[in-house]
Amino acid sequence: MDAGLTICHHADQTSVYIDLGISRGMEYGIETAKEAGRVVLERRLFPETSTAEEIYLLLHQEYEKHDLPSPEIIASIYGRIIK
């Protein structure tokens, strides 16, 4: 969440992925974006009719196919974004 709030200061808009609902942290991010005058877009990665269980199964299948990036790689990506 801290990374998102740091990066958002360099963004023109905020996209909120609502497939599994909106958490309190997301609500905070939405309010922060609105207060800063950024456009807030609601998006979905999955069809609106997908259940939480269907989404979980699809994500789990995809997750198993890939190696996770190291913390160093993630830090380097964020470092390039916020420069």
PDB file of N, CA and C in Angstrom:
ATOM      1  N   MET A   1       0.827  -1.187   0.000  1.00  0.00           N
ATOM      2  CA  MET A   1       0.000   0.000   0.000  1.00  0.00           C
ATOM      3  C   MET A   1       0.874   1.254   0.000  1.00  0.00           C
ATOM      4  N   ASP A   2       1.938   1.231   0.785  1.00  0.00           N
ATOM      5  CA  ASP A   2       2.831   2.395   0.825  1.00  0.00           C
ATOM      6  C   ASP A   2       3.432   2.675  -0.551  1.00  0.00           C
ATOM      7  N   ALA A   3       3.802   1.603  -1.269  1.00  0.00           N
ATOM      8  CA  ALA A   3       4.381   1.793  -2.604  1.00  0.00           C
ATOM      9  C   ALA A   3       3.372   2.456  -3.526  1.00  0.00           C
ATOM     10  N   GLY A   4       2.136   2.000  -3.482  1.00  0.00           N
ATOM     11  CA  GLY A   4       1.095   2.592  -4.323  1.00  0.00           C
ATOM     12  C   GLY A   4       0.861   4.052  -4.005  1.00  0.00           C
ATOM     13  N   LEU A   5       0.864   4.390  -2.724  1.00  0.00           N
ATOM     14  CA  LEU A   5       0.648   5.783  -2.332  1.00  0.00           C
ATOM     15  C   LEU A   5       1.843   6.660  -2.696  1.00  0.00           C
ATOM     16  N   THR A   6       3.033   6.071  -2.770  1.00  0.00           N
ATOM     17  CA  THR A   6       4.214   6.822  -3.201  1.00  0.00           C
ATOM     18  C   THR A   6       4.170   7.063  -4.704  1.00  0.00           C
ATOM     19  N   ILE A   7       3.867   6.032  -5.454  1.00  0.00           N
ATOM     20  CA  ILE A   7       3.824   6.132  -6.912  1.00  0.00           C
ATOM     21  C   ILE A   7       2.696   7.041  -7.371  1.00  0.00           C
ATOM     22  N   CYS A   8       1.590   7.054  -6.654  1.00  0.00           N
ATOM     23  CA  CYS A   8       0.405   7.794  -7.108  1.00  0.00           C
ATOM     24  C   CYS A   8       0.677   9.282  -7.303  1.00  0.00           C
ATOM     25  N   HIS A   9       1.647   9.823  -6.629  1.00  0.00           N
ATOM     26  CA  HIS A   9       1.949  11.250  -6.777  1.00  0.00           C
ATOM     27  C   HIS A   9       2.497  11.579  -8.166  1.00  0.00           C
ATOM     28  N   HIS A  10       2.880  10.549  -8.905  1.00  0.00           N
ATOM     29  CA  HIS A  10       3.411  10.724 -10.253  1.00  0.00           C
ATOM     30  C   HIS A  10       2.397  10.295 -11.315  1.00  0.00           C
ATOM     31  N   ALA A  11       1.176   9.971 -10.901  1.00  0.00           N
ATOM     32  CA  ALA A  11       0.166   9.429 -11.819  1.00  0.00           C
ATOM     33  C   ALA A  11      -0.857  10.479 -12.234  1.00  0.00           C
ATOM     34  N   ASP A  12      -1.422  10.277 -13.414  1.00  0.00           N
ATOM     35  CA  ASP A  12      -2.503  11.134 -13.901  1.00  0.00           C
ATOM     36  C   ASP A  12      -3.869  10.582 -13.523  1.00  0.00           C
ATOM     37  N   GLN A  13      -3.918   9.281 -13.257  1.00  0.00           N
ATOM     38  CA  GLN A  13      -5.182   8.647 -12.902  1.00  0.00           C
ATOM     39  C   GLN A  13      -4.918   7.491 -11.954  1.00  0.00           C
ATOM     40  N   THR A  14      -5.982   7.009 -11.329  1.00  0.00           N
ATOM     41  CA  THR A  14      -5.906   5.864 -10.437  1.00  0.00           C
ATOM     42  C   THR A  14      -6.880   4.817 -10.938  1.00  0.00           C
ATOM     43  N   SER A  15      -6.398   3.591 -11.152  1.00  0.00           N
ATOM     44  CA  SER A  15      -7.259   2.490 -11.572  1.00  0.00           C
ATOM     45  C   SER A  15      -7.498   1.580 -10.381  1.00  0.00           C
ATOM     46  N   VAL A  16      -8.760   1.230 -10.169  1.00  0.00           N
ATOM     47  CA  VAL A  16      -9.154   0.382  -9.051  1.00  0.00           C
ATOM     48  C   VAL A  16      -9.758  -0.891  -9.630  1.00  0.00           C
ATOM     49  N   TYR A  17      -9.148  -2.027  -9.326  1.00  0.00           N
ATOM     50  CA  TYR A  17      -9.642  -3.310  -9.831  1.00  0.00           C
ATOM     51  C   TYR A  17     -10.608  -3.892  -8.804  1.00  0.00           C
ATOM     52  N   ILE A  18     -11.861  -4.004  -9.210  1.00  0.00           N
ATOM     53  CA  ILE A  18     -12.950  -4.266  -8.267  1.00  0.00           C
ATOM     54  C   ILE A  18     -13.502  -5.685  -8.341  1.00  0.00           C
ATOM     55  N   ASP A  19     -12.783  -6.598  -8.981  1.00  0.00           N
ATOM     56  CA  ASP A  19     -13.280  -7.967  -9.137  1.00  0.00           C
ATOM     57  C   ASP A  19     -13.663  -8.614  -7.809  1.00  0.00           C
ATOM     58  N   LEU A  20     -12.897  -8.344  -6.765  1.00  0.00           N
ATOM     59  CA  LEU A  20     -13.152  -8.956  -5.455  1.00  0.00           C
ATOM     60  C   LEU A  20     -13.680  -7.938  -4.444  1.00  0.00           C
ATOM     61  N   GLY A  21     -14.197  -6.821  -4.932  1.00  0.00           N
ATOM     62  CA  GLY A  21     -14.737  -5.796  -4.045  1.00  0.00           C
ATOM     63  C   GLY A  21     -13.715  -4.706  -3.774  1.00  0.00           C
ATOM     64  N   ILE A  22     -14.093  -3.781  -2.900  1.00  0.00           N
ATOM     65  CA  ILE A  22     -13.238  -2.647  -2.555  1.00  0.00           C
ATOM     66  C   ILE A  22     -12.935  -2.711  -1.060  1.00  0.00           C
ATOM     67  N   SER A  23     -11.659  -2.839  -0.735  1.00  0.00           N
ATOM     68  CA  SER A  23     -11.230  -2.923   0.665  1.00  0.00           C
ATOM     69  C   SER A  23     -11.135  -1.527   1.278  1.00  0.00           C
ATOM     70  N   ARG A  24     -10.907  -1.482   2.579  1.00  0.00           N
ATOM     71  CA  ARG A  24     -10.713  -0.184   3.242  1.00  0.00           C
ATOM     72  C   ARG A  24      -9.468   0.521   2.717  1.00  0.00           C
ATOM     73  N   GLY A  25      -8.431  -0.249   2.441  1.00  0.00           N
ATOM     74  CA  GLY A  25      -7.220   0.341   1.873  1.00  0.00           C
ATOM     75  C   GLY A  25      -7.470   0.938   0.497  1.00  0.00           C
ATOM     76  N   MET A  26      -8.280   0.247  -0.298  1.00  0.00           N
ATOM     77  CA  MET A  26      -8.636   0.773  -1.617  1.00  0.00           C
ATOM     78  C   MET A  26      -9.479   2.033  -1.470  1.00  0.00           C
ATOM     79  N   GLU A  27     -10.398   2.030  -0.509  1.00  0.00           N
ATOM     80  CA  GLU A  27     -11.209   3.232  -0.262  1.00  0.00           C
ATOM     81  C   GLU A  27     -10.306   4.417   0.072  1.00  0.00           C
ATOM     82  N   TYR A  28      -9.290   4.162   0.891  1.00  0.00           N
ATOM     83  CA  TYR A  28      -8.343   5.218   1.255  1.00  0.00           C
ATOM     84  C   TYR A  28      -7.611   5.726   0.010  1.00  0.00           C
ATOM     85  N   GLY A  29      -7.166   4.801  -0.846  1.00  0.00           N
ATOM     86  CA  GLY A  29      -6.485   5.185  -2.073  1.00  0.00           C
ATOM     87  C   GLY A  29      -7.379   5.982  -3.007  1.00  0.00           C
ATOM     88  N   ILE A  30      -8.659   5.601  -3.078  1.00  0.00           N
ATOM     89  CA  ILE A  30      -9.621   6.320  -3.916  1.00  0.00           C
ATOM     90  C   ILE A  30      -9.797   7.743  -3.398  1.00  0.00           C
ATOM     91  N   GLU A  31      -9.966   7.881  -2.097  1.00  0.00           N
ATOM     92  CA  GLU A  31     -10.126   9.216  -1.508  1.00  0.00           C
ATOM     93  C   GLU A  31      -8.880  10.068  -1.727  1.00  0.00           C
ATOM     94  N   THR A  32      -7.707   9.455  -1.553  1.00  0.00           N
ATOM     95  CA  THR A  32      -6.448  10.170  -1.777  1.00  0.00           C
ATOM     96  C   THR A  32      -6.364  10.665  -3.219  1.00  0.00           C
ATOM     97  N   ALA A  33      -6.757   9.812  -4.158  1.00  0.00           N
ATOM     98  CA  ALA A  33      -6.732  10.192  -5.579  1.00  0.00           C
ATOM     99  C   ALA A  33      -7.697  11.336  -5.856  1.00  0.00           C
ATOM    100  N   LYS A  34      -8.900  11.239  -5.317  1.00  0.00           N
ATOM    101  CA  LYS A  34      -9.895  12.288  -5.548  1.00  0.00           C
ATOM    102  C   LYS A  34      -9.439  13.619  -4.956  1.00  0.00           C
ATOM    103  N   GLU A  35      -8.876  13.574  -3.754  1.00  0.00           N
ATOM    104  CA  GLU A  35      -8.390  14.800  -3.113  1.00  0.00           C
ATOM    105  C   GLU A  35      -7.272  15.447  -3.931  1.00  0.00           C
ATOM    106  N   ALA A  36      -6.484  14.615  -4.634  1.00  0.00           N
ATOM    107  CA  ALA A  36      -5.388  15.133  -5.458  1.00  0.00           C
ATOM    108  C   ALA A  36      -5.864  15.531  -6.858  1.00  0.00           C
ATOM    109  N   GLY A  37      -7.149  15.315  -7.131  1.00  0.00           N
ATOM    110  CA  GLY A  37      -7.701  15.696  -8.426  1.00  0.00           C
ATOM    111  C   GLY A  37      -7.464  14.691  -9.543  1.00  0.00           C
ATOM    112  N   ARG A  38      -7.078  13.453  -9.182  1.00  0.00           N
ATOM    113  CA  ARG A  38      -6.870  12.426 -10.197  1.00  0.00           C
ATOM    114  C   ARG A  38      -8.187  11.736 -10.545  1.00  0.00           C
ATOM    115  N   VAL A  39      -8.302  11.329 -11.793  1.00  0.00           N
ATOM    116  CA  VAL A  39      -9.445  10.545 -12.252  1.00  0.00           C
ATOM    117  C   VAL A  39      -9.330   9.156 -11.637  1.00  0.00           C
ATOM    118  N   VAL A  40     -10.450   8.590 -11.168  1.00  0.00           N
ATOM    119  CA  VAL A  40     -10.474   7.236 -10.622  1.00  0.00           C
ATOM    120  C   VAL A  40     -11.277   6.357 -11.576  1.00  0.00           C
ATOM    121  N   LEU A  41     -10.625   5.313 -12.102  1.00  0.00           N
ATOM    122  CA  LEU A  41     -11.273   4.385 -13.019  1.00  0.00           C
ATOM    123  C   LEU A  41     -11.506   3.056 -12.326  1.00  0.00           C
ATOM    124  N   GLU A  42     -12.726   2.535 -12.411  1.00  0.00           N
ATOM    125  CA  GLU A  42     -13.013   1.194 -11.906  1.00  0.00           C
ATOM    126  C   GLU A  42     -12.842   0.221 -13.056  1.00  0.00           C
ATOM    127  N   ARG A  43     -12.076  -0.839 -12.810  1.00  0.00           N
ATOM    128  CA  ARG A  43     -11.792  -1.831 -13.847  1.00  0.00           C
ATOM    129  C   ARG A  43     -11.989  -3.232 -13.300  1.00  0.00           C
ATOM    130  N   ARG A  44     -12.100  -4.171 -14.225  1.00  0.00           N
ATOM    131  CA  ARG A  44     -12.189  -5.590 -13.886  1.00  0.00           C
ATOM    132  C   ARG A  44     -11.183  -6.365 -14.724  1.00  0.00           C
ATOM    133  N   LEU A  45     -10.615  -7.404 -14.137  1.00  0.00           N
ATOM    134  CA  LEU A  45      -9.743  -8.310 -14.870  1.00  0.00           C
ATOM    135  C   LEU A  45     -10.515  -9.523 -15.378  1.00  0.00           C
ATOM    136  N   PHE A  46     -11.649  -9.792 -14.768  1.00  0.00           N
ATOM    137  CA  PHE A  46     -12.448 -10.975 -15.074  1.00  0.00           C
ATOM    138  C   PHE A  46     -13.869 -10.554 -15.410  1.00  0.00           C
ATOM    139  N   PRO A  47     -14.619 -11.428 -16.091  1.00  0.00           N
ATOM    140  CA  PRO A  47     -16.013 -11.088 -16.391  1.00  0.00           C
ATOM    141  C   PRO A  47     -16.787 -10.760 -15.117  1.00  0.00           C
ATOM    142  N   GLU A  48     -17.721  -9.837 -15.237  1.00  0.00           N
ATOM    143  CA  GLU A  48     -18.495  -9.387 -14.078  1.00  0.00           C
ATOM    144  C   GLU A  48     -19.239 -10.538 -13.396  1.00  0.00           C
ATOM    145  N   THR A  49     -19.535 -11.586 -14.149  1.00  0.00           N
ATOM    146  CA  THR A  49     -20.286 -12.716 -13.600  1.00  0.00           C
ATOM    147  C   THR A  49     -19.407 -13.717 -12.856  1.00  0.00           C
ATOM    148  N   SER A  50     -18.082 -13.529 -12.858  1.00  0.00           N
ATOM    149  CA  SER A  50     -17.179 -14.461 -12.178  1.00  0.00           C
ATOM    150  C   SER A  50     -17.366 -14.393 -10.670  1.00  0.00           C
ATOM    151  N   THR A  51     -17.377 -15.565 -10.044  1.00  0.00           N
ATOM    152  CA  THR A  51     -17.448 -15.608  -8.581  1.00  0.00           C
ATOM    153  C   THR A  51     -16.035 -15.472  -8.010  1.00  0.00           C
ATOM    154  N   ALA A  52     -15.953 -15.166  -6.733  1.00  0.00           N
ATOM    155  CA  ALA A  52     -14.646 -15.061  -6.070  1.00  0.00           C
ATOM    156  C   ALA A  52     -13.897 -16.385  -6.170  1.00  0.00           C
ATOM    157  N   GLU A  53     -14.610 -17.499  -6.050  1.00  0.00           N
ATOM    158  CA  GLU A  53     -13.963 -18.812  -6.137  1.00  0.00           C
ATOM    159  C   GLU A  53     -13.391 -19.053  -7.537  1.00  0.00           C
ATOM    160  N   GLU A  54     -14.137 -18.687  -8.572  1.00  0.00           N
ATOM    161  CA  GLU A  54     -13.642 -18.840  -9.945  1.00  0.00           C
ATOM    162  C   GLU A  54     -12.396 -17.990 -10.167  1.00  0.00           C
ATOM    163  N   ILE A  55     -12.417 -16.778  -9.663  1.00  0.00           N
ATOM    164  CA  ILE A  55     -11.261 -15.888  -9.805  1.00  0.00           C
ATOM    165  C   ILE A  55     -10.055 -16.472  -9.082  1.00  0.00           C
ATOM    166  N   TYR A  56     -10.267 -16.965  -7.869  1.00  0.00           N
ATOM    167  CA  TYR A  56      -9.175 -17.562  -7.097  1.00  0.00           C
ATOM    168  C   TYR A  56      -8.554 -18.729  -7.862  1.00  0.00           C
ATOM    169  N   LEU A  57      -9.382 -19.608  -8.407  1.00  0.00           N
ATOM    170  CA  LEU A  57      -8.869 -20.770  -9.133  1.00  0.00           C
ATOM    171  C   LEU A  57      -8.074 -20.351 -10.369  1.00  0.00           C
ATOM    172  N   LEU A  58      -8.575 -19.377 -11.108  1.00  0.00           N
ATOM    173  CA  LEU A  58      -7.857 -18.895 -12.287  1.00  0.00           C
ATOM    174  C   LEU A  58      -6.514 -18.271 -11.907  1.00  0.00           C
ATOM    175  N   LEU A  59      -6.511 -17.457 -10.864  1.00  0.00           N
ATOM    176  CA  LEU A  59      -5.267 -16.820 -10.419  1.00  0.00           C
ATOM    177  C   LEU A  59      -4.266 -17.851  -9.919  1.00  0.00           C
ATOM    178  N   HIS A  60      -4.753 -18.835  -9.180  1.00  0.00           N
ATOM    179  CA  HIS A  60      -3.878 -19.872  -8.641  1.00  0.00           C
ATOM    180  C   HIS A  60      -3.232 -20.668  -9.779  1.00  0.00           C
ATOM    181  N   GLN A  61      -4.009 -20.998 -10.806  1.00  0.00           N
ATOM    182  CA  GLN A  61      -3.458 -21.725 -11.953  1.00  0.00           C
ATOM    183  C   GLN A  61      -2.369 -20.903 -12.635  1.00  0.00           C
ATOM    184  N   GLU A  62      -2.600 -19.617 -12.801  1.00  0.00           N
ATOM    185  CA  GLU A  62      -1.615 -18.749 -13.458  1.00  0.00           C
ATOM    186  C   GLU A  62      -0.376 -18.574 -12.579  1.00  0.00           C
ATOM    187  N   TYR A  63      -0.577 -18.421 -11.280  1.00  0.00           N
ATOM    188  CA  TYR A  63       0.511 -18.228 -10.321  1.00  0.00           C
ATOM    189  C   TYR A  63       1.488 -19.399 -10.371  1.00  0.00           C
ATOM    190  N   GLU A  64       0.955 -20.602 -10.507  1.00  0.00           N
ATOM    191  CA  GLU A  64       1.792 -21.803 -10.512  1.00  0.00           C
ATOM    192  C   GLU A  64       2.724 -21.856 -11.724  1.00  0.00           C
ATOM    193  N   LYS A  65       2.420 -21.119 -12.776  1.00  0.00           N
ATOM    194  CA  LYS A  65       3.215 -21.155 -14.006  1.00  0.00           C
ATOM    195  C   LYS A  65       4.466 -20.280 -13.943  1.00  0.00           C
ATOM    196  N   HIS A  66       4.573 -19.403 -12.975  1.00  0.00           N
ATOM    197  CA  HIS A  66       5.621 -18.382 -12.986  1.00  0.00           C
ATOM    198  C   HIS A  66       6.438 -18.367 -11.696  1.00  0.00           C
ATOM    199  N   ASP A  67       7.695 -17.954 -11.844  1.00  0.00           N
ATOM    200  CA  ASP A  67       8.542 -17.687 -10.679  1.00  0.00           C
ATOM    201  C   ASP A  67       8.257 -16.266 -10.218  1.00  0.00           C
ATOM    202  N   LEU A  68       8.254 -16.056  -8.924  1.00  0.00           N
ATOM    203  CA  LEU A  68       8.012 -14.718  -8.394  1.00  0.00           C
ATOM    204  C   LEU A  68       9.277 -13.872  -8.492  1.00  0.00           C
ATOM    205  N   PRO A  69       9.132 -12.572  -8.774  1.00  0.00           N
ATOM    206  CA  PRO A  69      10.316 -11.703  -8.806  1.00  0.00           C
ATOM    207  C   PRO A  69      10.871 -11.510  -7.398  1.00  0.00           C
ATOM    208  N   SER A  70      12.164 -11.321  -7.320  1.00  0.00           N
ATOM    209  CA  SER A  70      12.809 -11.104  -6.023  1.00  0.00           C
ATOM    210  C   SER A  70      12.480  -9.708  -5.507  1.00  0.00           C
ATOM    211  N   PRO A  71      12.616  -9.490  -4.192  1.00  0.00           N
ATOM    212  CA  PRO A  71      12.409  -8.145  -3.641  1.00  0.00           C
ATOM    213  C   PRO A  71      13.312  -7.100  -4.304  1.00  0.00           C
ATOM    214  N   GLU A  72      14.521  -7.502  -4.701  1.00  0.00           N
ATOM    215  CA  GLU A  72      15.443  -6.568  -5.350  1.00  0.00           C
ATOM    216  C   GLU A  72      14.908  -6.121  -6.719  1.00  0.00           C
ATOM    217  N   ILE A  73      14.339  -7.047  -7.460  1.00  0.00           N
ATOM    218  CA  ILE A  73      13.775  -6.702  -8.773  1.00  0.00           C
ATOM    219  C   ILE A  73      12.582  -5.770  -8.597  1.00  0.00           C
ATOM    220  N   ILE A  74      11.730  -6.075  -7.637  1.00  0.00           N
ATOM    221  CA  ILE A  74      10.562  -5.219  -7.384  1.00  0.00           C
ATOM    222  C   ILE A  74      11.021  -3.814  -6.998  1.00  0.00           C
ATOM    223  N   ALA A  75      12.019  -3.719  -6.114  1.00  0.00           N
ATOM    224  CA  ALA A  75      12.533  -2.408  -5.692  1.00  0.00           C
ATOM    225  C   ALA A  75      13.112  -1.644  -6.876  1.00  0.00           C
ATOM    226  N   SER A  76      13.787  -2.342  -7.775  1.00  0.00           N
ATOM    227  CA  SER A  76      14.367  -1.662  -8.933  1.00  0.00           C
ATOM    228  C   SER A  76      13.279  -1.146  -9.866  1.00  0.00           C
ATOM    229  N   ILE A  77      12.195  -1.891 -10.026  1.00  0.00           N
ATOM    230  CA  ILE A  77      11.080  -1.437 -10.864  1.00  0.00           C
ATOM    231  C   ILE A  77      10.453  -0.190 -10.257  1.00  0.00           C
ATOM    232  N   TYR A  78      10.153  -0.219  -8.967  1.00  0.00           N
ATOM    233  CA  TYR A  78       9.563   0.952  -8.317  1.00  0.00           C
ATOM    234  C   TYR A  78      10.511   2.141  -8.374  1.00  0.00           C
ATOM    235  N   GLY A  79      11.809   1.884  -8.256  1.00  0.00           N
ATOM    236  CA  GLY A  79      12.786   2.964  -8.327  1.00  0.00           C
ATOM    237  C   GLY A  79      12.758   3.679  -9.668  1.00  0.00           C
ATOM    238  N   ARG A  80      12.573   2.928 -10.744  1.00  0.00           N
ATOM    239  CA  ARG A  80      12.495   3.542 -12.079  1.00  0.00           C
ATOM    240  C   ARG A  80      11.202   4.317 -12.249  1.00  0.00           C
ATOM    241  N   ILE A  81      10.120   3.841 -11.671  1.00  0.00           N
ATOM    242  CA  ILE A  81       8.817   4.487 -11.836  1.00  0.00           C
ATOM    243  C   ILE A  81       8.790   5.846 -11.156  1.00  0.00           C
ATOM    244  N   ILE A  82       9.346   5.941  -9.944  1.00  0.00           N
ATOM    245  CA  ILE A  82       9.178   7.177  -9.172  1.00  0.00           C
ATOM    246  C   ILE A  82      10.289   8.198  -9.395  1.00  0.00           C
ATOM    247  N   LYS A  83      11.190   7.954 -10.326  1.00  0.00           N
ATOM    248  CA  LYS A  83      12.252   8.935 -10.610  1.00  0.00           C
ATOM    249  C   LYS A  83      11.699  10.107 -11.362  1.00  0.00           C
TER     250      LYS A  83
END
